[in-house]
Amino acid sequence: MNTIKLTIEGGKTFTATLEDNSSTQALKEQLVKGDIIVEMEDYASMEKVGSLGIRLPRNDRQTTTGPGDLILYQGHNFVIYYDTNSWSFTRLGKIDNATQAELKAALGKGDVRVTLSLD
């Protein structure tokens, strides 16, 4: 299984395909134990970011993000991008079949709660 489900507060659900790395393996191991709820806030009008409450192994490399990219930042922050950025990140995966407009509409302008679960 190489997908997870992201449920946005308010009911919108997305599926994401994960990368194959030690970070996603550790994330899936945590999700077997139960869902992870991430309280996310908007950052720089390009992403939502929030703490996972756990640390995952880092596989940082220079990365340019796009809408729908799921990123691990500093080993414990979960990031959903709805715009572009370039930095040294760990790529976790990408939301399947979602446009930038759909992501912005689902995530809203302020803080949002996202629940991660196994698909």
N, C-alpha and C. Protein backbone atom coordinates (compact mmCIF):
# COMPACT_ATOMS: atom_id res chain seq x y z
N MET A 1 0.85 -1.18 0.00
CA MET A 1 0.00 0.00 0.00
C MET A 1 0.89 1.24 0.00
N ASN A 2 0.68 2.08 -0.97
CA ASN A 2 1.53 3.26 -1.10
C ASN A 2 0.70 4.54 -1.18
N THR A 3 -0.48 4.52 -0.54
CA THR A 3 -1.31 5.71 -0.52
C THR A 3 -1.80 5.99 0.90
N ILE A 4 -2.11 7.25 1.13
CA ILE A 4 -2.75 7.64 2.39
C ILE A 4 -3.95 8.51 2.04
N LYS A 5 -4.80 8.72 3.02
CA LYS A 5 -5.97 9.56 2.87
C LYS A 5 -5.78 10.81 3.73
N LEU A 6 -6.13 11.96 3.18
CA LEU A 6 -6.11 13.22 3.91
C LEU A 6 -7.54 13.74 3.97
N THR A 7 -8.06 13.88 5.17
CA THR A 7 -9.41 14.41 5.34
C THR A 7 -9.30 15.81 5.92
N ILE A 8 -9.79 16.78 5.16
CA ILE A 8 -9.74 18.17 5.56
C ILE A 8 -10.95 18.46 6.43
N GLU A 9 -10.73 19.20 7.50
CA GLU A 9 -11.84 19.61 8.36
C GLU A 9 -12.95 20.18 7.49
N GLY A 10 -14.15 19.68 7.68
CA GLY A 10 -15.26 20.11 6.84
C GLY A 10 -15.67 19.04 5.85
N GLY A 11 -14.85 17.98 5.71
CA GLY A 11 -15.29 16.82 4.95
C GLY A 11 -14.62 16.50 3.64
N LYS A 12 -13.86 17.40 3.05
CA LYS A 12 -13.20 17.10 1.77
C LYS A 12 -12.08 16.09 2.00
N THR A 13 -12.05 15.04 1.20
CA THR A 13 -11.04 14.00 1.33
C THR A 13 -10.23 13.88 0.04
N PHE A 14 -8.92 13.74 0.22
CA PHE A 14 -8.01 13.51 -0.90
C PHE A 14 -7.24 12.23 -0.65
N THR A 15 -6.79 11.61 -1.72
CA THR A 15 -5.87 10.48 -1.65
C THR A 15 -4.52 10.98 -2.15
N ALA A 16 -3.45 10.48 -1.52
CA ALA A 16 -2.10 10.87 -1.93
C ALA A 16 -1.26 9.63 -2.15
N THR A 17 -0.45 9.67 -3.19
CA THR A 17 0.51 8.60 -3.46
C THR A 17 1.83 8.98 -2.82
N LEU A 18 2.39 8.04 -2.05
CA LEU A 18 3.60 8.31 -1.30
C LEU A 18 4.86 7.96 -2.08
N GLU A 19 5.94 8.66 -1.75
CA GLU A 19 7.27 8.32 -2.23
C GLU A 19 7.71 7.02 -1.56
N ASP A 20 8.75 6.43 -2.07
CA ASP A 20 9.32 5.23 -1.46
C ASP A 20 10.61 5.64 -0.75
N ASN A 21 10.50 5.99 0.55
CA ASN A 21 11.69 6.34 1.32
C ASN A 21 11.45 6.00 2.79
N SER A 22 12.46 6.14 3.61
CA SER A 22 12.35 5.77 5.02
C SER A 22 11.37 6.68 5.77
N SER A 23 11.18 7.89 5.29
CA SER A 23 10.23 8.82 5.91
C SER A 23 8.80 8.31 5.76
N THR A 24 8.44 7.91 4.55
CA THR A 24 7.08 7.42 4.33
C THR A 24 6.86 6.06 4.97
N GLN A 25 7.90 5.24 5.03
CA GLN A 25 7.76 3.95 5.73
C GLN A 25 7.44 4.19 7.19
N ALA A 26 8.15 5.13 7.82
CA ALA A 26 7.91 5.45 9.23
C ALA A 26 6.53 6.07 9.42
N LEU A 27 6.10 6.90 8.49
CA LEU A 27 4.77 7.50 8.57
C LEU A 27 3.70 6.41 8.50
N LYS A 28 3.84 5.49 7.57
CA LYS A 28 2.85 4.41 7.46
C LYS A 28 2.83 3.54 8.72
N GLU A 29 4.00 3.29 9.31
CA GLU A 29 4.05 2.52 10.55
C GLU A 29 3.28 3.22 11.66
N GLN A 30 3.37 4.54 11.71
CA GLN A 30 2.61 5.32 12.70
C GLN A 30 1.11 5.27 12.41
N LEU A 31 0.74 5.33 11.14
CA LEU A 31 -0.67 5.33 10.77
C LEU A 31 -1.34 3.99 11.02
N VAL A 32 -0.55 2.90 11.02
CA VAL A 32 -1.11 1.59 11.38
C VAL A 32 -1.65 1.64 12.81
N LYS A 33 -1.00 2.43 13.66
CA LYS A 33 -1.40 2.56 15.06
C LYS A 33 -2.63 3.44 15.23
N GLY A 34 -2.92 4.28 14.23
CA GLY A 34 -4.07 5.18 14.30
C GLY A 34 -3.86 6.42 13.48
N ASP A 35 -4.94 7.14 13.26
CA ASP A 35 -4.89 8.37 12.48
C ASP A 35 -4.01 9.42 13.17
N ILE A 36 -3.45 10.31 12.37
CA ILE A 36 -2.68 11.45 12.88
C ILE A 36 -3.44 12.72 12.50
N ILE A 37 -3.74 13.53 13.50
CA ILE A 37 -4.42 14.80 13.27
C ILE A 37 -3.38 15.91 13.32
N VAL A 38 -3.36 16.72 12.27
CA VAL A 38 -2.38 17.80 12.16
C VAL A 38 -3.13 19.13 12.14
N GLU A 39 -2.83 19.97 13.11
CA GLU A 39 -3.37 21.33 13.15
C GLU A 39 -2.45 22.18 12.27
N MET A 40 -3.00 22.67 11.15
CA MET A 40 -2.17 23.33 10.16
C MET A 40 -2.51 24.81 10.06
N GLU A 41 -1.47 25.60 9.82
CA GLU A 41 -1.67 27.03 9.60
C GLU A 41 -1.09 27.43 8.27
N ASP A 42 -1.62 28.50 7.72
CA ASP A 42 -1.14 28.99 6.44
C ASP A 42 0.22 29.65 6.62
N TYR A 43 1.09 29.42 5.67
CA TYR A 43 2.40 30.05 5.69
C TYR A 43 2.68 30.63 4.32
N ALA A 44 2.90 31.92 4.26
CA ALA A 44 3.37 32.63 3.06
C ALA A 44 2.44 32.47 1.85
N SER A 45 1.18 32.17 2.08
CA SER A 45 0.20 32.02 0.99
C SER A 45 0.64 31.01 -0.06
N MET A 46 1.38 29.97 0.40
CA MET A 46 1.81 28.93 -0.55
C MET A 46 1.68 27.54 0.02
N GLU A 47 1.43 27.42 1.35
CA GLU A 47 1.43 26.12 1.98
C GLU A 47 0.64 26.14 3.28
N LYS A 48 0.25 24.95 3.71
CA LYS A 48 -0.27 24.73 5.07
C LYS A 48 0.78 23.89 5.77
N VAL A 49 1.08 24.23 7.03
CA VAL A 49 2.12 23.52 7.77
C VAL A 49 1.65 23.28 9.20
N GLY A 50 2.01 22.10 9.73
CA GLY A 50 1.69 21.79 11.11
C GLY A 50 2.53 20.62 11.61
N SER A 51 2.67 20.54 12.91
CA SER A 51 3.49 19.49 13.51
C SER A 51 2.76 18.15 13.48
N LEU A 52 3.50 17.10 13.14
CA LEU A 52 2.97 15.74 13.17
C LEU A 52 2.85 15.21 14.60
N GLY A 53 3.59 15.82 15.52
CA GLY A 53 3.61 15.32 16.89
C GLY A 53 4.58 14.17 17.08
N ILE A 54 5.25 13.80 16.01
CA ILE A 54 6.28 12.73 16.02
C ILE A 54 7.40 13.18 15.10
N ARG A 55 8.55 12.52 15.24
CA ARG A 55 9.67 12.77 14.31
C ARG A 55 9.77 11.60 13.35
N LEU A 56 10.05 11.94 12.11
CA LEU A 56 10.27 10.94 11.06
C LEU A 56 11.69 11.09 10.54
N PRO A 57 12.25 10.02 9.99
CA PRO A 57 13.58 10.14 9.37
C PRO A 57 13.53 11.16 8.24
N ARG A 58 14.62 11.91 8.11
CA ARG A 58 14.70 12.92 7.06
C ARG A 58 15.45 12.36 5.86
N ASN A 59 14.97 12.71 4.68
CA ASN A 59 15.63 12.40 3.41
C ASN A 59 15.69 13.69 2.59
N ASP A 60 16.25 14.74 3.22
CA ASP A 60 16.24 16.06 2.60
C ASP A 60 17.09 16.10 1.33
N ARG A 61 16.57 16.81 0.36
CA ARG A 61 17.32 17.14 -0.85
C ARG A 61 16.68 18.38 -1.46
N GLN A 62 17.43 19.09 -2.26
CA GLN A 62 16.90 20.29 -2.91
C GLN A 62 15.68 19.90 -3.73
N THR A 63 14.57 20.55 -3.46
CA THR A 63 13.29 20.18 -4.05
C THR A 63 12.54 21.43 -4.46
N THR A 64 11.92 21.39 -5.62
CA THR A 64 10.99 22.44 -6.02
C THR A 64 9.60 21.84 -5.93
N THR A 65 8.75 22.46 -5.13
CA THR A 65 7.41 21.94 -4.89
C THR A 65 6.41 22.49 -5.90
N GLY A 66 5.28 21.83 -5.93
CA GLY A 66 4.14 22.28 -6.73
C GLY A 66 2.87 21.98 -5.98
N PRO A 67 1.74 22.43 -6.49
CA PRO A 67 0.47 22.19 -5.82
C PRO A 67 0.22 20.69 -5.58
N GLY A 68 -0.12 20.37 -4.33
CA GLY A 68 -0.41 18.98 -3.97
C GLY A 68 0.76 18.22 -3.40
N ASP A 69 1.95 18.81 -3.43
CA ASP A 69 3.11 18.12 -2.87
C ASP A 69 3.00 18.04 -1.35
N LEU A 70 3.34 16.87 -0.81
CA LEU A 70 3.38 16.64 0.62
C LEU A 70 4.84 16.56 1.03
N ILE A 71 5.22 17.38 2.00
CA ILE A 71 6.62 17.56 2.37
C ILE A 71 6.79 17.37 3.87
N LEU A 72 7.92 16.78 4.25
CA LEU A 72 8.35 16.73 5.65
C LEU A 72 9.41 17.80 5.81
N TYR A 73 9.20 18.70 6.78
CA TYR A 73 10.14 19.78 7.01
C TYR A 73 10.69 19.65 8.42
N GLN A 74 11.99 19.63 8.55
CA GLN A 74 12.70 19.54 9.83
C GLN A 74 12.36 18.27 10.61
N GLY A 75 11.89 17.25 9.92
CA GLY A 75 11.67 15.95 10.55
C GLY A 75 10.36 15.79 11.29
N HIS A 76 9.64 16.90 11.52
CA HIS A 76 8.39 16.76 12.29
C HIS A 76 7.24 17.62 11.79
N ASN A 77 7.48 18.48 10.82
CA ASN A 77 6.41 19.32 10.27
C ASN A 77 5.89 18.72 8.97
N PHE A 78 4.57 18.61 8.89
CA PHE A 78 3.89 18.12 7.69
C PHE A 78 3.41 19.32 6.91
N VAL A 79 3.72 19.36 5.61
CA VAL A 79 3.40 20.51 4.78
C VAL A 79 2.62 20.05 3.55
N ILE A 80 1.53 20.76 3.27
CA ILE A 80 0.78 20.58 2.03
C ILE A 80 0.98 21.85 1.22
N TYR A 81 1.57 21.72 0.05
CA TYR A 81 1.79 22.88 -0.82
C TYR A 81 0.61 23.07 -1.76
N TYR A 82 0.25 24.33 -1.95
CA TYR A 82 -0.71 24.65 -3.01
C TYR A 82 -0.11 25.67 -3.97
N ASP A 83 1.19 25.93 -3.82
CA ASP A 83 1.93 26.79 -4.74
C ASP A 83 3.36 26.25 -4.80
N THR A 84 4.26 26.99 -5.42
CA THR A 84 5.63 26.50 -5.60
C THR A 84 6.58 27.10 -4.58
N ASN A 85 7.64 26.34 -4.30
CA ASN A 85 8.71 26.78 -3.42
C ASN A 85 9.91 25.88 -3.72
N SER A 86 11.09 26.35 -3.38
CA SER A 86 12.28 25.55 -3.58
C SER A 86 13.14 25.63 -2.33
N TRP A 87 13.49 24.46 -1.77
CA TRP A 87 14.25 24.40 -0.53
C TRP A 87 14.74 22.98 -0.36
N SER A 88 15.46 22.72 0.71
CA SER A 88 15.92 21.36 1.02
C SER A 88 14.86 20.70 1.93
N PHE A 89 14.10 19.80 1.34
CA PHE A 89 12.97 19.15 2.00
C PHE A 89 13.06 17.64 1.84
N THR A 90 12.20 16.94 2.56
CA THR A 90 11.95 15.52 2.32
C THR A 90 10.59 15.41 1.64
N ARG A 91 10.58 14.89 0.45
CA ARG A 91 9.32 14.69 -0.27
C ARG A 91 8.63 13.44 0.27
N LEU A 92 7.38 13.61 0.71
CA LEU A 92 6.60 12.47 1.20
C LEU A 92 5.69 11.89 0.12
N GLY A 93 5.16 12.75 -0.72
CA GLY A 93 4.24 12.27 -1.76
C GLY A 93 3.53 13.41 -2.44
N LYS A 94 2.42 13.08 -3.11
CA LYS A 94 1.66 14.08 -3.84
C LYS A 94 0.19 13.69 -3.80
N ILE A 95 -0.66 14.69 -3.58
CA ILE A 95 -2.10 14.48 -3.62
C ILE A 95 -2.50 14.15 -5.05
N ASP A 96 -3.31 13.12 -5.18
CA ASP A 96 -3.72 12.63 -6.50
C ASP A 96 -4.84 13.50 -7.08
N ASN A 97 -4.71 13.86 -8.33
CA ASN A 97 -5.79 14.46 -9.12
C ASN A 97 -6.45 15.66 -8.47
N ALA A 98 -5.67 16.59 -7.95
CA ALA A 98 -6.22 17.81 -7.36
C ALA A 98 -5.54 19.02 -7.98
N THR A 99 -6.35 19.96 -8.41
CA THR A 99 -5.81 21.18 -8.98
C THR A 99 -5.45 22.16 -7.87
N GLN A 100 -4.69 23.17 -8.23
CA GLN A 100 -4.33 24.21 -7.27
C GLN A 100 -5.60 24.87 -6.72
N ALA A 101 -6.56 25.15 -7.58
CA ALA A 101 -7.81 25.79 -7.15
C ALA A 101 -8.58 24.89 -6.18
N GLU A 102 -8.64 23.60 -6.45
CA GLU A 102 -9.33 22.67 -5.55
C GLU A 102 -8.66 22.61 -4.18
N LEU A 103 -7.33 22.60 -4.19
CA LEU A 103 -6.59 22.56 -2.92
C LEU A 103 -6.83 23.83 -2.11
N LYS A 104 -6.76 24.99 -2.77
CA LYS A 104 -6.98 26.25 -2.07
C LYS A 104 -8.40 26.31 -1.50
N ALA A 105 -9.37 25.84 -2.26
CA ALA A 105 -10.76 25.87 -1.80
C ALA A 105 -10.94 24.94 -0.59
N ALA A 106 -10.34 23.76 -0.63
CA ALA A 106 -10.49 22.79 0.45
C ALA A 106 -9.75 23.21 1.72
N LEU A 107 -8.56 23.79 1.55
CA LEU A 107 -7.73 24.14 2.70
C LEU A 107 -8.11 25.49 3.31
N GLY A 108 -8.77 26.34 2.54
CA GLY A 108 -9.22 27.62 3.06
C GLY A 108 -8.09 28.61 3.25
N LYS A 109 -8.42 29.75 3.85
CA LYS A 109 -7.46 30.84 4.00
C LYS A 109 -6.76 30.84 5.36
N GLY A 110 -7.35 30.23 6.37
CA GLY A 110 -6.77 30.28 7.71
C GLY A 110 -6.28 28.91 8.15
N ASP A 111 -6.36 28.69 9.46
CA ASP A 111 -5.94 27.43 10.03
C ASP A 111 -6.93 26.33 9.65
N VAL A 112 -6.42 25.10 9.59
CA VAL A 112 -7.27 23.97 9.22
C VAL A 112 -6.74 22.71 9.90
N ARG A 113 -7.63 21.80 10.20
CA ARG A 113 -7.27 20.50 10.78
C ARG A 113 -7.33 19.45 9.67
N VAL A 114 -6.24 18.69 9.54
CA VAL A 114 -6.16 17.63 8.53
C VAL A 114 -5.89 16.31 9.24
N THR A 115 -6.68 15.30 8.90
CA THR A 115 -6.48 13.97 9.47
C THR A 115 -5.85 13.08 8.42
N LEU A 116 -4.70 12.48 8.79
CA LEU A 116 -3.99 11.53 7.94
C LEU A 116 -4.39 10.13 8.35
N SER A 117 -4.70 9.28 7.38
CA SER A 117 -5.05 7.90 7.67
C SER A 117 -4.63 7.01 6.53
N LEU A 118 -4.59 5.73 6.80
CA LEU A 118 -4.28 4.79 5.73
C LEU A 118 -5.48 4.70 4.81
N ASP A 119 -5.21 4.61 3.53
CA ASP A 119 -6.26 4.58 2.53
C ASP A 119 -6.92 3.20 2.49
